[in-house]
Every structure is written in structure tokens, then in C-alpha cells.
Protein backbone atom coordinates (compact mmCIF):
# COMPACT_ATOMS: atom_id res chain seq x y z
CA MET A 1 90.93 6.64 -6.94
CA ALA A 2 93.22 4.28 -8.82
CA LYS A 3 94.29 1.16 -7.04
CA ALA A 4 97.83 1.34 -5.68
CA PHE A 5 100.39 -1.02 -7.14
CA PRO A 6 104.06 -1.64 -6.48
CA VAL A 7 106.69 0.65 -8.01
CA THR A 8 110.40 -0.12 -7.97
CA ILE A 9 113.08 2.33 -9.04
CA TYR A 10 116.70 1.41 -9.65
CA HIS A 11 118.10 4.70 -8.41
CA ASN A 12 121.35 6.61 -8.26
CA PRO A 13 120.93 9.52 -5.82
CA LYS A 14 123.80 11.41 -7.50
CA CYS A 15 121.92 11.49 -10.83
CA SER A 16 119.60 14.47 -11.32
CA THR A 17 117.34 12.56 -13.74
CA SER A 18 117.03 9.70 -11.27
CA ARG A 19 116.17 12.14 -8.45
CA GLN A 20 113.58 13.87 -10.66
CA VAL A 21 111.95 10.56 -11.60
CA LEU A 22 111.80 9.63 -7.89
CA GLU A 23 110.09 12.98 -7.21
CA MET A 24 107.60 12.35 -10.03
CA ILE A 25 106.74 8.94 -8.56
CA ALA A 26 106.17 10.52 -5.14
CA GLY A 27 104.16 13.33 -6.77
CA ALA A 28 101.87 10.68 -8.25
CA GLY A 29 101.15 9.48 -4.70
CA ARG A 30 103.32 6.37 -4.90
CA THR A 31 105.88 5.19 -2.38
CA PRO A 32 108.41 3.27 -4.44
CA HIS A 33 110.76 0.54 -3.42
CA VAL A 34 114.11 2.24 -3.99
CA ILE A 35 117.10 0.12 -4.96
CA GLU A 36 120.37 2.03 -4.95
CA TYR A 37 122.02 -0.23 -7.49
CA LEU A 38 125.49 1.26 -7.01
CA LYS A 39 125.39 -0.13 -3.46
CA ALA A 40 123.32 -3.27 -4.12
CA GLY A 41 125.09 -4.25 -7.34
CA TRP A 42 123.70 -6.43 -10.11
CA THR A 43 123.70 -10.03 -11.20
CA ILE A 44 123.76 -11.05 -14.84
CA ALA A 45 120.35 -12.70 -14.40
CA GLN A 46 118.88 -9.47 -12.98
CA LEU A 47 120.25 -7.39 -15.84
CA LYS A 48 119.08 -9.82 -18.51
CA GLN A 49 115.55 -9.80 -17.05
CA LEU A 50 115.46 -6.03 -16.56
CA PHE A 51 116.66 -5.34 -20.09
CA ALA A 52 114.33 -7.95 -21.63
CA ASP A 53 111.36 -6.49 -19.73
CA ALA A 54 112.28 -3.00 -20.95
CA GLY A 55 112.82 -4.22 -24.53
CA LEU A 56 116.46 -3.12 -24.52
CA THR A 57 119.75 -4.75 -25.35
CA PRO A 58 122.72 -4.46 -23.01
CA ARG A 59 124.26 -2.03 -25.55
CA GLN A 60 121.15 0.20 -25.38
CA ALA A 61 121.29 0.17 -21.56
CA LEU A 62 125.01 0.98 -21.42
CA ARG A 63 125.84 4.30 -19.82
CA THR A 64 128.26 5.44 -22.49
CA ARG A 65 129.08 8.65 -20.63
CA ALA A 66 130.58 6.69 -17.74
CA SER A 67 134.37 6.96 -17.96
CA GLU A 68 134.58 3.20 -17.36
CA ALA A 69 132.80 2.52 -20.66
CA GLU A 70 135.66 4.08 -22.62
CA GLN A 71 138.40 2.79 -20.31
CA LEU A 72 137.17 -0.79 -20.67
CA GLY A 73 136.80 -0.53 -24.44
CA LEU A 74 133.02 -1.02 -24.28
CA LEU A 75 132.20 1.74 -26.77
CA ASP A 76 133.45 -0.47 -29.61
CA PRO A 77 130.29 -1.79 -31.35
CA LYS A 78 132.00 -5.17 -31.79
CA VAL A 79 131.89 -5.80 -28.02
CA GLY A 80 129.23 -8.45 -27.39
CA ASP A 81 126.42 -8.65 -24.86
CA ALA A 82 128.27 -11.11 -22.60
CA LYS A 83 131.21 -8.75 -22.16
CA LEU A 84 128.88 -5.79 -21.58
CA LEU A 85 126.92 -7.69 -18.93
CA ASP A 86 130.10 -8.83 -17.18
CA ALA A 87 131.34 -5.23 -17.13
CA MET A 88 128.00 -3.96 -15.78
CA VAL A 89 128.14 -6.47 -12.92
CA ALA A 90 131.74 -5.48 -12.13
CA HIS A 91 130.99 -1.74 -12.54
CA PRO A 92 127.30 -1.00 -11.75
CA VAL A 93 127.75 2.63 -12.84
CA LEU A 94 127.80 1.34 -16.44
CA VAL A 95 124.03 0.76 -16.36
CA GLU A 96 122.03 3.75 -17.59
CA ARG A 97 119.47 5.08 -15.13
CA PRO A 98 116.88 5.16 -13.80
CA PHE A 99 114.95 1.99 -14.50
CA VAL A 100 111.40 1.86 -13.12
CA VAL A 101 109.34 -1.32 -12.78
CA THR A 102 105.58 -1.49 -12.20
CA PRO A 103 102.86 -3.97 -13.20
CA ARG A 104 102.34 -1.65 -16.20
CA GLY A 105 105.85 -2.32 -17.50
CA THR A 106 109.56 -1.68 -17.19
CA LYS A 107 111.24 1.39 -18.64
CA LEU A 108 114.53 3.17 -18.74
CA CYS A 109 113.04 6.53 -17.80
CA ARG A 110 114.96 8.81 -20.13
CA PRO A 111 113.41 11.23 -20.76
CA LYS A 112 112.14 11.44 -17.20
CA GLU A 113 108.54 12.06 -18.33
CA SER A 114 108.37 8.51 -19.65
CA VAL A 115 107.82 7.36 -16.06
CA LEU A 116 104.27 8.74 -16.29
CA GLU A 117 103.34 5.88 -18.63
CA LEU A 118 104.05 3.46 -15.76
CA LEU A 119 102.14 5.27 -13.00
């Protein structure tokens, strides 16, 4: 049997993809550390590290379907990373989900099956 290792999911229980990824982690026999980021919030340092580890820019991790993204003018490609990060800290819903972190890597698990590469 494979050695167990820590799994962390940045989870939004209202998101069907996030719930499905959580189920896939449990189905693989893992008990993840679940961080409900809408309650816990973010810091700029956390987001920078998470995105760097996943190989993403703040723009790539922006939840463009969130109404706040349009309301705050964040869909404009001229908006820089600093403004995006500030907005994500102020409005955690602007971060796409779910992110999963294991010793095997960090991924934005969209599509949900991409979590399997981390388990």
C-alpha cells in the first residue's frame, strides 16, 4: 500500500466541482485538511505562494464567472497582478477553485480529474 501523505484542499462547499474533488480525495483513501477559504480568507503571501506552486498567474486563477470580477473591472486584461491579488484578498470568491496541495504538487483541479495526478 502506498504511504499516506498530507492532502490539503482549498474548498468551497457550494461548488459542485469542489465537492466532487473532495469526494475523489476521500475515494482514494485520503483524509484531507479542508480549508474553506471563503470563511478563512486569504493573504497576499498565501495567494502568491499557492499560484507560484501551481504554475499560475493571478489572472489564470481569477474566477471570471464571479459577479465581483466584472463589477470590480477585473476582466480588463490591463489590470495588473497587484490589483488582482488585492481584490482576491478582499473578495475570496474571486479565486477559482478548488486548489489541492500534496507533496506531489499543487493544482487548480479543473477539470476535477486532474486531482488524481496528486494522489
